[in-house]
PDB file of all heavy atoms in Angstrom:
ATOM      1  N   LEU A   1      49.388  67.949  56.051  1.00  0.00           N
ATOM      2  CA  LEU A   1      48.230  68.331  55.245  1.00  0.00           C
ATOM      3  C   LEU A   1      47.595  67.021  54.809  1.00  0.00           C
ATOM      4  O   LEU A   1      48.120  66.316  53.957  1.00  0.00           O
ATOM      5  CB  LEU A   1      48.638  69.170  54.037  1.00  0.00           C
ATOM      6  CG  LEU A   1      47.527  69.524  53.033  1.00  0.00           C
ATOM      7  CD1 LEU A   1      46.312  70.144  53.715  1.00  0.00           C
ATOM      8  CD2 LEU A   1      48.068  70.460  51.975  1.00  0.00           C
ATOM      9  N   TYR A   2      46.498  66.679  55.473  1.00  0.00           N
ATOM     10  CA  TYR A   2      45.860  65.376  55.302  1.00  0.00           C
ATOM     11  C   TYR A   2      44.455  65.530  54.755  1.00  0.00           C
ATOM     12  O   TYR A   2      43.777  66.521  55.028  1.00  0.00           O
ATOM     13  CB  TYR A   2      45.782  64.641  56.642  1.00  0.00           C
ATOM     14  CG  TYR A   2      47.127  64.355  57.260  1.00  0.00           C
ATOM     15  CD1 TYR A   2      47.659  65.207  58.221  1.00  0.00           C
ATOM     16  CD2 TYR A   2      47.856  63.230  56.895  1.00  0.00           C
ATOM     17  CE1 TYR A   2      48.903  64.941  58.792  1.00  0.00           C
ATOM     18  CE2 TYR A   2      49.094  62.963  57.454  1.00  0.00           C
ATOM     19  CZ  TYR A   2      49.607  63.822  58.405  1.00  0.00           C
ATOM     20  OH  TYR A   2      50.842  63.558  58.958  1.00  0.00           O
ATOM     21  N   PHE A   3      44.014  64.515  54.029  1.00  0.00           N
ATOM     22  CA  PHE A   3      42.629  64.456  53.570  1.00  0.00           C
ATOM     23  C   PHE A   3      41.774  63.979  54.733  1.00  0.00           C
ATOM     24  O   PHE A   3      42.127  63.035  55.431  1.00  0.00           O
ATOM     25  CB  PHE A   3      42.490  63.491  52.393  1.00  0.00           C
ATOM     26  CG  PHE A   3      43.273  63.928  51.188  1.00  0.00           C
ATOM     27  CD1 PHE A   3      44.443  63.282  50.825  1.00  0.00           C
ATOM     28  CD2 PHE A   3      42.843  64.996  50.420  1.00  0.00           C
ATOM     29  CE1 PHE A   3      45.167  63.685  49.721  1.00  0.00           C
ATOM     30  CE2 PHE A   3      43.564  65.409  49.308  1.00  0.00           C
ATOM     31  CZ  PHE A   3      44.729  64.747  48.963  1.00  0.00           C
ATOM     32  N   GLY A   4      40.656  64.658  54.938  1.00  0.00           N
ATOM     33  CA  GLY A   4      39.759  64.284  56.025  1.00  0.00           C
ATOM     34  C   GLY A   4      40.121  64.985  57.319  1.00  0.00           C
ATOM     35  O   GLY A   4      41.018  65.815  57.380  1.00  0.00           O
ATOM     36  N   GLU A   5      39.399  64.609  58.341  1.00  0.00           N
ATOM     37  CA  GLU A   5      39.606  65.177  59.676  1.00  0.00           C
ATOM     38  C   GLU A   5      40.493  64.222  60.455  1.00  0.00           C
ATOM     39  O   GLU A   5      40.084  63.106  60.769  1.00  0.00           O
ATOM     40  CB  GLU A   5      38.253  65.362  60.366  1.00  0.00           C
ATOM     41  CG  GLU A   5      38.288  66.291  61.536  1.00  0.00           C
ATOM     42  CD  GLU A   5      36.891  66.657  62.016  1.00  0.00           C
ATOM     43  OE1 GLU A   5      36.118  67.242  61.231  1.00  0.00           O
ATOM     44  OE2 GLU A   5      36.590  66.341  63.180  1.00  0.00           O
ATOM     45  N   VAL A   6      41.710  64.653  60.742  1.00  0.00           N
ATOM     46  CA  VAL A   6      42.705  63.815  61.410  1.00  0.00           C
ATOM     47  C   VAL A   6      42.957  64.371  62.804  1.00  0.00           C
ATOM     48  O   VAL A   6      43.182  65.577  62.970  1.00  0.00           O
ATOM     49  CB  VAL A   6      44.025  63.796  60.592  1.00  0.00           C
ATOM     50  CG1 VAL A   6      45.099  63.016  61.303  1.00  0.00           C
ATOM     51  CG2 VAL A   6      43.785  63.225  59.209  1.00  0.00           C
ATOM     52  N   GLU A   7      42.920  63.500  63.783  1.00  0.00           N
ATOM     53  CA  GLU A   7      43.203  63.929  65.158  1.00  0.00           C
ATOM     54  C   GLU A   7      44.667  64.327  65.265  1.00  0.00           C
ATOM     55  O   GLU A   7      45.546  63.709  64.660  1.00  0.00           O
ATOM     56  CB  GLU A   7      42.927  62.777  66.129  1.00  0.00           C
ATOM     57  CG  GLU A   7      41.500  62.308  66.117  1.00  0.00           C
ATOM     58  CD  GLU A   7      40.724  62.753  67.323  1.00  0.00           C
ATOM     59  OE1 GLU A   7      41.319  63.145  68.327  1.00  0.00           O
ATOM     60  OE2 GLU A   7      39.485  62.698  67.239  1.00  0.00           O
ATOM     61  N   SER A   8      44.956  65.354  66.043  1.00  0.00           N
ATOM     62  CA  SER A   8      46.329  65.813  66.206  1.00  0.00           C
ATOM     63  C   SER A   8      46.543  66.335  67.615  1.00  0.00           C
ATOM     64  O   SER A   8      45.611  66.789  68.267  1.00  0.00           O
ATOM     65  CB  SER A   8      46.636  66.922  65.195  1.00  0.00           C
ATOM     66  OG  SER A   8      47.940  67.401  65.383  1.00  0.00           O
ATOM     67  N   GLU A   9      47.789  66.284  68.027  1.00  0.00           N
ATOM     68  CA  GLU A   9      48.164  66.920  69.287  1.00  0.00           C
ATOM     69  C   GLU A   9      48.205  68.423  69.046  1.00  0.00           C
ATOM     70  O   GLU A   9      48.330  68.876  67.922  1.00  0.00           O
ATOM     71  CB  GLU A   9      49.560  66.463  69.721  1.00  0.00           C
ATOM     72  CG  GLU A   9      49.686  65.004  69.980  1.00  0.00           C
ATOM     73  CD  GLU A   9      51.138  64.613  70.269  1.00  0.00           C
ATOM     74  OE1 GLU A   9      52.049  65.443  70.110  1.00  0.00           O
ATOM     75  OE2 GLU A   9      51.338  63.457  70.634  1.00  0.00           O
ATOM     76  N   GLY A  10      48.142  69.182  70.102  1.00  0.00           N
ATOM     77  CA  GLY A  10      48.280  70.627  69.984  1.00  0.00           C
ATOM     78  C   GLY A  10      46.960  71.349  70.104  1.00  0.00           C
ATOM     79  O   GLY A  10      45.938  70.776  70.462  1.00  0.00           O
ATOM     80  N   ASP A  11      47.018  72.627  69.775  1.00  0.00           N
ATOM     81  CA  ASP A  11      45.857  73.496  69.884  1.00  0.00           C
ATOM     82  C   ASP A  11      45.120  73.585  68.558  1.00  0.00           C
ATOM     83  O   ASP A  11      45.750  73.664  67.498  1.00  0.00           O
ATOM     84  CB  ASP A  11      46.292  74.905  70.293  1.00  0.00           C
ATOM     85  CG  ASP A  11      46.950  74.932  71.665  1.00  0.00           C
ATOM     86  OD1 ASP A  11      46.545  74.131  72.529  1.00  0.00           O
ATOM     87  OD2 ASP A  11      47.863  75.753  71.860  1.00  0.00           O
ATOM     88  N   TYR A  12      43.785  73.601  68.641  1.00  0.00           N
ATOM     89  CA  TYR A  12      42.982  73.785  67.439  1.00  0.00           C
ATOM     90  C   TYR A  12      42.885  75.280  67.177  1.00  0.00           C
ATOM     91  O   TYR A  12      42.080  75.990  67.777  1.00  0.00           O
ATOM     92  CB  TYR A  12      41.590  73.176  67.606  1.00  0.00           C
ATOM     93  CG  TYR A  12      40.739  73.355  66.366  1.00  0.00           C
ATOM     94  CD1 TYR A  12      40.953  72.549  65.257  1.00  0.00           C
ATOM     95  CD2 TYR A  12      39.765  74.334  66.295  1.00  0.00           C
ATOM     96  CE1 TYR A  12      40.201  72.707  64.096  1.00  0.00           C
ATOM     97  CE2 TYR A  12      39.004  74.498  65.150  1.00  0.00           C
ATOM     98  CZ  TYR A  12      39.230  73.689  64.059  1.00  0.00           C
ATOM     99  OH  TYR A  12      38.501  73.855  62.920  1.00  0.00           O
ATOM    100  N   GLU A  13      43.773  75.762  66.298  1.00  0.00           N
ATOM    101  CA  GLU A  13      43.740  77.161  65.896  1.00  0.00           C
ATOM    102  C   GLU A  13      44.625  77.358  64.675  1.00  0.00           C
ATOM    103  O   GLU A  13      45.510  76.551  64.399  1.00  0.00           O
ATOM    104  CB  GLU A  13      44.193  78.091  67.024  1.00  0.00           C
ATOM    105  CG  GLU A  13      45.644  77.936  67.434  1.00  0.00           C
ATOM    106  CD  GLU A  13      46.039  78.900  68.531  1.00  0.00           C
ATOM    107  OE1 GLU A  13      46.447  80.022  68.213  1.00  0.00           O
ATOM    108  OE2 GLU A  13      45.944  78.501  69.706  1.00  0.00           O
ATOM    109  N   GLU A  14      44.343  78.420  63.943  1.00  0.00           N
ATOM    110  CA  GLU A  14      45.143  78.730  62.764  1.00  0.00           C
ATOM    111  C   GLU A  14      46.442  79.404  63.200  1.00  0.00           C
ATOM    112  O   GLU A  14      46.417  80.465  63.801  1.00  0.00           O
ATOM    113  CB  GLU A  14      44.394  79.702  61.850  1.00  0.00           C
ATOM    114  CG  GLU A  14      43.241  79.116  61.100  1.00  0.00           C
ATOM    115  CD  GLU A  14      42.587  80.172  60.235  1.00  0.00           C
ATOM    116  OE1 GLU A  14      41.980  81.096  60.799  1.00  0.00           O
ATOM    117  OE2 GLU A  14      42.681  80.053  59.020  1.00  0.00           O
ATOM    118  N   SER A  15      47.554  78.798  62.876  1.00  0.00           N
ATOM    119  CA  SER A  15      48.834  79.469  63.077  1.00  0.00           C
ATOM    120  C   SER A  15      49.098  80.338  61.855  1.00  0.00           C
ATOM    121  O   SER A  15      48.370  80.273  60.852  1.00  0.00           O
ATOM    122  CB  SER A  15      49.950  78.433  63.224  1.00  0.00           C
ATOM    123  OG  SER A  15      50.116  77.724  62.003  1.00  0.00           O
ATOM    124  N   HIS A  16      50.157  81.126  61.895  1.00  0.00           N
ATOM    125  CA  HIS A  16      50.500  81.965  60.744  1.00  0.00           C
ATOM    126  C   HIS A  16      50.723  81.107  59.504  1.00  0.00           C
ATOM    127  O   HIS A  16      50.219  81.418  58.426  1.00  0.00           O
ATOM    128  CB  HIS A  16      51.739  82.811  61.048  1.00  0.00           C
ATOM    129  CG  HIS A  16      52.201  83.598  59.866  1.00  0.00           C
ATOM    130  ND1 HIS A  16      51.514  84.692  59.395  1.00  0.00           N
ATOM    131  CD2 HIS A  16      53.256  83.423  59.030  1.00  0.00           C
ATOM    132  CE1 HIS A  16      52.128  85.158  58.319  1.00  0.00           C
ATOM    133  NE2 HIS A  16      53.201  84.408  58.080  1.00  0.00           N
ATOM    134  N   VAL A  17      51.465  80.008  59.635  1.00  0.00           N
ATOM    135  CA  VAL A  17      51.761  79.164  58.470  1.00  0.00           C
ATOM    136  C   VAL A  17      50.507  78.436  57.978  1.00  0.00           C
ATOM    137  O   VAL A  17      50.336  78.257  56.770  1.00  0.00           O
ATOM    138  CB  VAL A  17      52.942  78.192  58.745  1.00  0.00           C
ATOM    139  CG1 VAL A  17      52.554  77.068  59.678  1.00  0.00           C
ATOM    140  CG2 VAL A  17      53.483  77.607  57.448  1.00  0.00           C
ATOM    141  N   ILE A  18      49.621  78.074  58.865  1.00  0.00           N
ATOM    142  CA  ILE A  18      48.360  77.463  58.428  1.00  0.00           C
ATOM    143  C   ILE A  18      47.524  78.475  57.657  1.00  0.00           C
ATOM    144  O   ILE A  18      46.972  78.155  56.599  1.00  0.00           O
ATOM    145  CB  ILE A  18      47.570  76.865  59.615  1.00  0.00           C
ATOM    146  CG1 ILE A  18      48.266  75.589  60.129  1.00  0.00           C
ATOM    147  CG2 ILE A  18      46.121  76.572  59.223  1.00  0.00           C
ATOM    148  CD1 ILE A  18      47.645  74.983  61.378  1.00  0.00           C
ATOM    149  N   LYS A  19      47.445  79.718  58.147  1.00  0.00           N
ATOM    150  CA  LYS A  19      46.696  80.757  57.427  1.00  0.00           C
ATOM    151  C   LYS A  19      47.265  80.950  56.034  1.00  0.00           C
ATOM    152  O   LYS A  19      46.517  81.042  55.058  1.00  0.00           O
ATOM    153  CB  LYS A  19      46.740  82.080  58.195  1.00  0.00           C
ATOM    154  CG  LYS A  19      45.862  82.115  59.422  1.00  0.00           C
ATOM    155  CD  LYS A  19      45.989  83.446  60.140  1.00  0.00           C
ATOM    156  CE  LYS A  19      45.237  83.384  61.454  1.00  0.00           C
ATOM    157  NZ  LYS A  19      45.395  84.613  62.241  1.00  0.00           N
ATOM    158  N   GLU A  20      48.595  81.011  55.930  1.00  0.00           N
ATOM    159  CA  GLU A  20      49.229  81.193  54.624  1.00  0.00           C
ATOM    160  C   GLU A  20      48.975  79.987  53.722  1.00  0.00           C
ATOM    161  O   GLU A  20      48.718  80.136  52.524  1.00  0.00           O
ATOM    162  CB  GLU A  20      50.728  81.454  54.782  1.00  0.00           C
ATOM    163  CG  GLU A  20      51.436  81.746  53.483  1.00  0.00           C
ATOM    164  CD  GLU A  20      50.894  82.949  52.720  1.00  0.00           C
ATOM    165  OE1 GLU A  20      50.423  83.925  53.329  1.00  0.00           O
ATOM    166  OE2 GLU A  20      50.942  82.900  51.469  1.00  0.00           O
ATOM    167  N   ALA A  21      49.045  78.791  54.284  1.00  0.00           N
ATOM    168  CA  ALA A  21      48.775  77.577  53.499  1.00  0.00           C
ATOM    169  C   ALA A  21      47.338  77.588  52.980  1.00  0.00           C
ATOM    170  O   ALA A  21      47.089  77.222  51.825  1.00  0.00           O
ATOM    171  CB  ALA A  21      49.033  76.328  54.335  1.00  0.00           C
ATOM    172  N   LEU A  22      46.392  78.026  53.794  1.00  0.00           N
ATOM    173  CA  LEU A  22      44.990  78.083  53.365  1.00  0.00           C
ATOM    174  C   LEU A  22      44.800  79.066  52.214  1.00  0.00           C
ATOM    175  O   LEU A  22      44.067  78.793  51.261  1.00  0.00           O
ATOM    176  CB  LEU A  22      44.082  78.439  54.542  1.00  0.00           C
ATOM    177  CG  LEU A  22      43.938  77.362  55.611  1.00  0.00           C
ATOM    178  CD1 LEU A  22      43.183  77.907  56.819  1.00  0.00           C
ATOM    179  CD2 LEU A  22      43.246  76.134  55.050  1.00  0.00           C
ATOM    180  N   ILE A  23      45.481  80.202  52.279  1.00  0.00           N
ATOM    181  CA  ILE A  23      45.411  81.185  51.191  1.00  0.00           C
ATOM    182  C   ILE A  23      45.967  80.574  49.909  1.00  0.00           C
ATOM    183  O   ILE A  23      45.358  80.656  48.843  1.00  0.00           O
ATOM    184  CB  ILE A  23      46.191  82.470  51.570  1.00  0.00           C
ATOM    185  CG1 ILE A  23      45.448  83.228  52.672  1.00  0.00           C
ATOM    186  CG2 ILE A  23      46.404  83.359  50.335  1.00  0.00           C
ATOM    187  CD1 ILE A  23      46.265  84.328  53.334  1.00  0.00           C
ATOM    188  N   GLN A  24      47.138  79.931  50.021  1.00  0.00           N
ATOM    189  CA  GLN A  24      47.770  79.355  48.840  1.00  0.00           C
ATOM    190  C   GLN A  24      46.973  78.173  48.285  1.00  0.00           C
ATOM    191  O   GLN A  24      46.887  77.995  47.067  1.00  0.00           O
ATOM    192  CB  GLN A  24      49.214  78.960  49.146  1.00  0.00           C
ATOM    193  CG  GLN A  24      50.092  80.179  49.360  1.00  0.00           C
ATOM    194  CD  GLN A  24      51.564  79.851  49.491  1.00  0.00           C
ATOM    195  OE1 GLN A  24      52.039  78.848  48.980  1.00  0.00           O
ATOM    196  NE2 GLN A  24      52.297  80.719  50.189  1.00  0.00           N
ATOM    197  N   LEU A  25      46.380  77.377  49.155  1.00  0.00           N
ATOM    198  CA  LEU A  25      45.536  76.272  48.684  1.00  0.00           C
ATOM    199  C   LEU A  25      44.300  76.799  47.958  1.00  0.00           C
ATOM    200  O   LEU A  25      43.904  76.262  46.915  1.00  0.00           O
ATOM    201  CB  LEU A  25      45.118  75.375  49.855  1.00  0.00           C
ATOM    202  CG  LEU A  25      46.199  74.442  50.380  1.00  0.00           C
ATOM    203  CD1 LEU A  25      45.808  73.890  51.744  1.00  0.00           C
ATOM    204  CD2 LEU A  25      46.453  73.306  49.387  1.00  0.00           C
ATOM    205  N   GLU A  26      43.688  77.846  48.478  1.00  0.00           N
ATOM    206  CA  GLU A  26      42.527  78.441  47.812  1.00  0.00           C
ATOM    207  C   GLU A  26      42.919  78.936  46.420  1.00  0.00           C
ATOM    208  O   GLU A  26      42.204  78.714  45.438  1.00  0.00           O
ATOM    209  CB  GLU A  26      41.961  79.594  48.641  1.00  0.00           C
ATOM    210  CG  GLU A  26      40.731  80.217  48.020  1.00  0.00           C
ATOM    211  CD  GLU A  26      40.119  81.324  48.867  1.00  0.00           C
ATOM    212  OE1 GLU A  26      40.500  81.500  50.035  1.00  0.00           O
ATOM    213  OE2 GLU A  26      39.249  82.027  48.321  1.00  0.00           O
ATOM    214  N   GLU A  27      44.085  79.576  46.317  1.00  0.00           N
ATOM    215  CA  GLU A  27      44.569  80.045  45.016  1.00  0.00           C
ATOM    216  C   GLU A  27      44.840  78.860  44.078  1.00  0.00           C
ATOM    217  O   GLU A  27      44.537  78.920  42.885  1.00  0.00           O
ATOM    218  CB  GLU A  27      45.844  80.874  45.190  1.00  0.00           C
ATOM    219  CG  GLU A  27      45.615  82.189  45.910  1.00  0.00           C
ATOM    220  CD  GLU A  27      46.896  82.875  46.343  1.00  0.00           C
ATOM    221  OE1 GLU A  27      47.992  82.260  46.283  1.00  0.00           O
ATOM    222  OE2 GLU A  27      46.811  84.045  46.763  1.00  0.00           O
ATOM    223  N   TYR A  28      45.399  77.798  44.612  1.00  0.00           N
ATOM    224  CA  TYR A  28      45.665  76.590  43.825  1.00  0.00           C
ATOM    225  C   TYR A  28      44.359  76.017  43.263  1.00  0.00           C
ATOM    226  O   TYR A  28      44.270  75.726  42.074  1.00  0.00           O
ATOM    227  CB  TYR A  28      46.378  75.565  44.715  1.00  0.00           C
ATOM    228  CG  TYR A  28      46.508  74.182  44.114  1.00  0.00           C
ATOM    229  CD1 TYR A  28      47.519  73.873  43.207  1.00  0.00           C
ATOM    230  CD2 TYR A  28      45.621  73.176  44.465  1.00  0.00           C
ATOM    231  CE1 TYR A  28      47.632  72.597  42.658  1.00  0.00           C
ATOM    232  CE2 TYR A  28      45.726  71.896  43.929  1.00  0.00           C
ATOM    233  CZ  TYR A  28      46.741  71.618  43.025  1.00  0.00           C
ATOM    234  OH  TYR A  28      46.848  70.356  42.487  1.00  0.00           O
ATOM    235  N   PHE A  29      43.361  75.864  44.113  1.00  0.00           N
ATOM    236  CA  PHE A  29      42.087  75.308  43.662  1.00  0.00           C
ATOM    237  C   PHE A  29      41.367  76.222  42.669  1.00  0.00           C
ATOM    238  O   PHE A  29      40.590  75.755  41.846  1.00  0.00           O
ATOM    239  CB  PHE A  29      41.181  74.973  44.847  1.00  0.00           C
ATOM    240  CG  PHE A  29      41.594  73.745  45.599  1.00  0.00           C
ATOM    241  CD1 PHE A  29      41.922  73.811  46.940  1.00  0.00           C
ATOM    242  CD2 PHE A  29      41.678  72.515  44.965  1.00  0.00           C
ATOM    243  CE1 PHE A  29      42.313  72.667  47.644  1.00  0.00           C
ATOM    244  CE2 PHE A  29      42.063  71.375  45.648  1.00  0.00           C
ATOM    245  CZ  PHE A  29      42.379  71.448  46.990  1.00  0.00           C
ATOM    246  N   LYS A  30      41.636  77.531  42.728  1.00  0.00           N
ATOM    247  CA  LYS A  30      41.048  78.478  41.777  1.00  0.00           C
ATOM    248  C   LYS A  30      41.890  78.587  40.502  1.00  0.00           C
ATOM    249  O   LYS A  30      41.606  79.426  39.652  1.00  0.00           O
ATOM    250  CB  LYS A  30      40.930  79.871  42.411  1.00  0.00           C
ATOM    251  CG  LYS A  30      39.861  79.985  43.464  1.00  0.00           C
ATOM    252  CD  LYS A  30      39.838  81.411  44.000  1.00  0.00           C
ATOM    253  CE  LYS A  30      38.708  81.612  44.970  1.00  0.00           C
ATOM    254  NZ  LYS A  30      38.716  82.996  45.508  1.00  0.00           N
ATOM    255  N   ARG A  31      42.952  77.782  40.411  1.00  0.00           N
ATOM    256  CA  ARG A  31      43.871  77.777  39.261  1.00  0.00           C
ATOM    257  C   ARG A  31      44.669  79.073  39.151  1.00  0.00           C
ATOM    258  O   ARG A  31      45.102  79.470  38.067  1.00  0.00           O
ATOM    259  CB  ARG A  31      43.127  77.502  37.963  1.00  0.00           C
ATOM    260  CG  ARG A  31      42.518  76.131  37.893  1.00  0.00           C
ATOM    261  CD  ARG A  31      41.830  75.918  36.558  1.00  0.00           C
ATOM    262  NE  ARG A  31      41.490  74.525  36.336  1.00  0.00           N
ATOM    263  CZ  ARG A  31      40.313  73.995  36.594  1.00  0.00           C
ATOM    264  NH1 ARG A  31      39.349  74.729  37.096  1.00  0.00           N
ATOM    265  NH2 ARG A  31      40.095  72.714  36.355  1.00  0.00           N
ATOM    266  N   GLU A  32      44.873  79.740  40.273  1.00  0.00           N
ATOM    267  CA  GLU A  32      45.657  80.981  40.302  1.00  0.00           C
ATOM    268  C   GLU A  32      47.085  80.747  40.785  1.00  0.00           C
ATOM    269  O   GLU A  32      47.915  81.635  40.706  1.00  0.00           O
ATOM    270  CB  GLU A  32      44.979  82.006  41.220  1.00  0.00           C
ATOM    271  CG  GLU A  32      43.604  82.429  40.752  1.00  0.00           C
ATOM    272  CD  GLU A  32      42.837  83.215  41.794  1.00  0.00           C
ATOM    273  OE1 GLU A  32      43.324  83.374  42.938  1.00  0.00           O
ATOM    274  OE2 GLU A  32      41.722  83.662  41.460  1.00  0.00           O
ATOM    275  N   ARG A  33      47.378  79.562  41.313  1.00  0.00           N
ATOM    276  CA  ARG A  33      48.701  79.262  41.866  1.00  0.00           C
ATOM    277  C   ARG A  33      49.169  77.917  41.345  1.00  0.00           C
ATOM    278  O   ARG A  33      48.431  76.940  41.379  1.00  0.00           O
ATOM    279  CB  ARG A  33      48.656  79.244  43.396  1.00  0.00           C
ATOM    280  CG  ARG A  33      49.950  78.783  44.051  1.00  0.00           C
ATOM    281  CD  ARG A  33      49.900  78.902  45.552  1.00  0.00           C
ATOM    282  NE  ARG A  33      49.883  80.282  45.970  1.00  0.00           N
ATOM    283  CZ  ARG A  33      50.983  81.037  46.125  1.00  0.00           C
ATOM    284  NH1 ARG A  33      52.166  80.529  45.882  1.00  0.00           N
ATOM    285  NH2 ARG A  33      50.883  82.289  46.531  1.00  0.00           N
ATOM    286  N   LYS A  34      50.445  77.875  40.925  1.00  0.00           N
ATOM    287  CA  LYS A  34      51.035  76.629  40.434  1.00  0.00           C
ATOM    288  C   LYS A  34      52.165  76.142  41.325  1.00  0.00           C
ATOM    289  O   LYS A  34      52.576  74.990  41.210  1.00  0.00           O
ATOM    290  CB  LYS A  34      51.537  76.813  39.006  1.00  0.00           C
ATOM    291  CG  LYS A  34      50.403  77.074  38.018  1.00  0.00           C
ATOM    292  CD  LYS A  34      50.907  77.209  36.612  1.00  0.00           C
ATOM    293  CE  LYS A  34      49.730  77.444  35.674  1.00  0.00           C
ATOM    294  NZ  LYS A  34      50.155  77.550  34.284  1.00  0.00           N
ATOM    295  N   GLU A  35      52.688  76.998  42.174  1.00  0.00           N
ATOM    296  CA  GLU A  35      53.762  76.621  43.102  1.00  0.00           C
ATOM    297  C   GLU A  35      53.428  77.127  44.494  1.00  0.00           C
ATOM    298  O   GLU A  35      52.866  78.208  44.638  1.00  0.00           O
ATOM    299  CB  GLU A  35      55.099  77.214  42.652  1.00  0.00           C
ATOM    300  CG  GLU A  35      55.609  76.640  41.351  1.00  0.00           C
ATOM    301  CD  GLU A  35      56.949  77.243  40.945  1.00  0.00           C
ATOM    302  OE1 GLU A  35      57.620  77.881  41.777  1.00  0.00           O
ATOM    303  OE2 GLU A  35      57.319  77.063  39.780  1.00  0.00           O
ATOM    304  N   PHE A  36      53.803  76.356  45.486  1.00  0.00           N
ATOM    305  CA  PHE A  36      53.576  76.738  46.879  1.00  0.00           C
ATOM    306  C   PHE A  36      54.881  77.277  47.469  1.00  0.00           C
ATOM    307  O   PHE A  36      55.971  76.840  47.092  1.00  0.00           O
ATOM    308  CB  PHE A  36      53.103  75.532  47.698  1.00  0.00           C
ATOM    309  CG  PHE A  36      51.734  75.052  47.298  1.00  0.00           C
ATOM    310  CD1 PHE A  36      51.574  74.033  46.370  1.00  0.00           C
ATOM    311  CD2 PHE A  36      50.601  75.618  47.855  1.00  0.00           C
ATOM    312  CE1 PHE A  36      50.327  73.587  45.992  1.00  0.00           C
ATOM    313  CE2 PHE A  36      49.336  75.190  47.484  1.00  0.00           C
ATOM    314  CZ  PHE A  36      49.194  74.179  46.560  1.00  0.00           C
ATOM    315  N   SER A  37      54.750  78.203  48.392  1.00  0.00           N
ATOM    316  CA  SER A  37      55.924  78.765  49.068  1.00  0.00           C
ATOM    317  C   SER A  37      55.719  78.725  50.578  1.00  0.00           C
ATOM    318  O   SER A  37      55.830  79.730  51.262  1.00  0.00           O
ATOM    319  CB  SER A  37      56.181  80.197  48.580  1.00  0.00           C
ATOM    320  OG  SER A  37      55.053  81.015  48.840  1.00  0.00           O
ATOM    321  N   ILE A  38      55.414  77.548  51.055  1.00  0.00           N
ATOM    322  CA  ILE A  38      55.159  77.325  52.480  1.00  0.00           C
ATOM    323  C   ILE A  38      56.377  76.614  53.060  1.00  0.00           C
ATOM    324  O   ILE A  38      56.857  75.637  52.473  1.00  0.00           O
ATOM    325  CB  ILE A  38      53.914  76.422  52.669  1.00  0.00           C
ATOM    326  CG1 ILE A  38      52.675  77.065  52.038  1.00  0.00           C
ATOM    327  CG2 ILE A  38      53.668  76.088  54.128  1.00  0.00           C
ATOM    328  CD1 ILE A  38      52.196  78.295  52.724  1.00  0.00           C
ATOM    329  N   PRO A  39      56.882  77.047  54.214  1.00  0.00           N
ATOM    330  CA  PRO A  39      57.983  76.295  54.841  1.00  0.00           C
ATOM    331  C   PRO A  39      57.475  74.943  55.353  1.00  0.00           C
ATOM    332  O   PRO A  39      56.487  74.884  56.082  1.00  0.00           O
ATOM    333  CB  PRO A  39      58.447  77.198  55.986  1.00  0.00           C
ATOM    334  CG  PRO A  39      57.328  78.154  56.226  1.00  0.00           C
ATOM    335  CD  PRO A  39      56.525  78.238  54.965  1.00  0.00           C
ATOM    336  N   LEU A  40      58.131  73.873  54.908  1.00  0.00           N
ATOM    337  CA  LEU A  40      57.725  72.513  55.253  1.00  0.00           C
ATOM    338  C   LEU A  40      58.773  71.838  56.113  1.00  0.00           C
ATOM    339  O   LEU A  40      59.964  72.107  55.979  1.00  0.00           O
ATOM    340  CB  LEU A  40      57.550  71.674  53.970  1.00  0.00           C
ATOM    341  CG  LEU A  40      56.671  72.239  52.865  1.00  0.00           C
ATOM    342  CD1 LEU A  40      56.711  71.326  51.654  1.00  0.00           C
ATOM    343  CD2 LEU A  40      55.254  72.440  53.361  1.00  0.00           C
ATOM    344  N   LYS A  41      58.307  70.924  56.955  1.00  0.00           N
ATOM    345  CA  LYS A  41      59.219  70.080  57.725  1.00  0.00           C
ATOM    346  C   LYS A  41      58.638  68.667  57.697  1.00  0.00           C
ATOM    347  O   LYS A  41      57.490  68.459  58.088  1.00  0.00           O
ATOM    348  CB  LYS A  41      59.347  70.561  59.159  1.00  0.00           C
ATOM    349  CG  LYS A  41      60.369  69.782  59.963  1.00  0.00           C
ATOM    350  CD  LYS A  41      60.605  70.417  61.324  1.00  0.00           C
ATOM    351  CE  LYS A  41      61.736  69.714  62.027  1.00  0.00           C
ATOM    352  NZ  LYS A  41      62.028  70.351  63.313  1.00  0.00           N
ATOM    353  N   PHE A  42      59.453  67.741  57.194  1.00  0.00           N
ATOM    354  CA  PHE A  42      59.023  66.352  57.098  1.00  0.00           C
ATOM    355  C   PHE A  42      59.568  65.549  58.270  1.00  0.00           C
ATOM    356  O   PHE A  42      60.750  65.675  58.612  1.00  0.00           O
ATOM    357  CB  PHE A  42      59.542  65.705  55.806  1.00  0.00           C
ATOM    358  CG  PHE A  42      58.913  66.238  54.559  1.00  0.00           C
ATOM    359  CD1 PHE A  42      59.654  66.991  53.659  1.00  0.00           C
ATOM    360  CD2 PHE A  42      57.585  65.981  54.257  1.00  0.00           C
ATOM    361  CE1 PHE A  42      59.088  67.461  52.485  1.00  0.00           C
ATOM    362  CE2 PHE A  42      57.009  66.452  53.091  1.00  0.00           C
ATOM    363  CZ  PHE A  42      57.767  67.203  52.206  1.00  0.00           C
ATOM    364  N   TYR A  43      58.725  64.706  58.852  1.00  0.00           N
ATOM    365  CA  TYR A  43      59.138  63.736  59.858  1.00  0.00           C
ATOM    366  C   TYR A  43      58.968  62.347  59.255  1.00  0.00           C
ATOM    367  O   TYR A  43      57.869  61.986  58.842  1.00  0.00           O
ATOM    368  CB  TYR A  43      58.297  63.859  61.130  1.00  0.00           C
ATOM    369  CG  TYR A  43      58.617  65.089  61.955  1.00  0.00           C
ATOM    370  CD1 TYR A  43      57.780  66.194  61.938  1.00  0.00           C
ATOM    371  CD2 TYR A  43      59.766  65.130  62.743  1.00  0.00           C
ATOM    372  CE1 TYR A  43      58.070  67.330  62.691  1.00  0.00           C
ATOM    373  CE2 TYR A  43      60.062  66.262  63.495  1.00  0.00           C
ATOM    374  CZ  TYR A  43      59.213  67.352  63.462  1.00  0.00           C
ATOM    375  OH  TYR A  43      59.521  68.469  64.208  1.00  0.00           O
TER     376      TYR A  43
END
């Protein structure tokens, strides 16, 4: 989850987890969400 438009490998499309992250981010910015419940993997 990066600021700006970052080039990436893969397909340009919303996956299930991206769709869920977008919903939760929208709620966060509207002050409706204080915690995220998205599965994360760090490299």
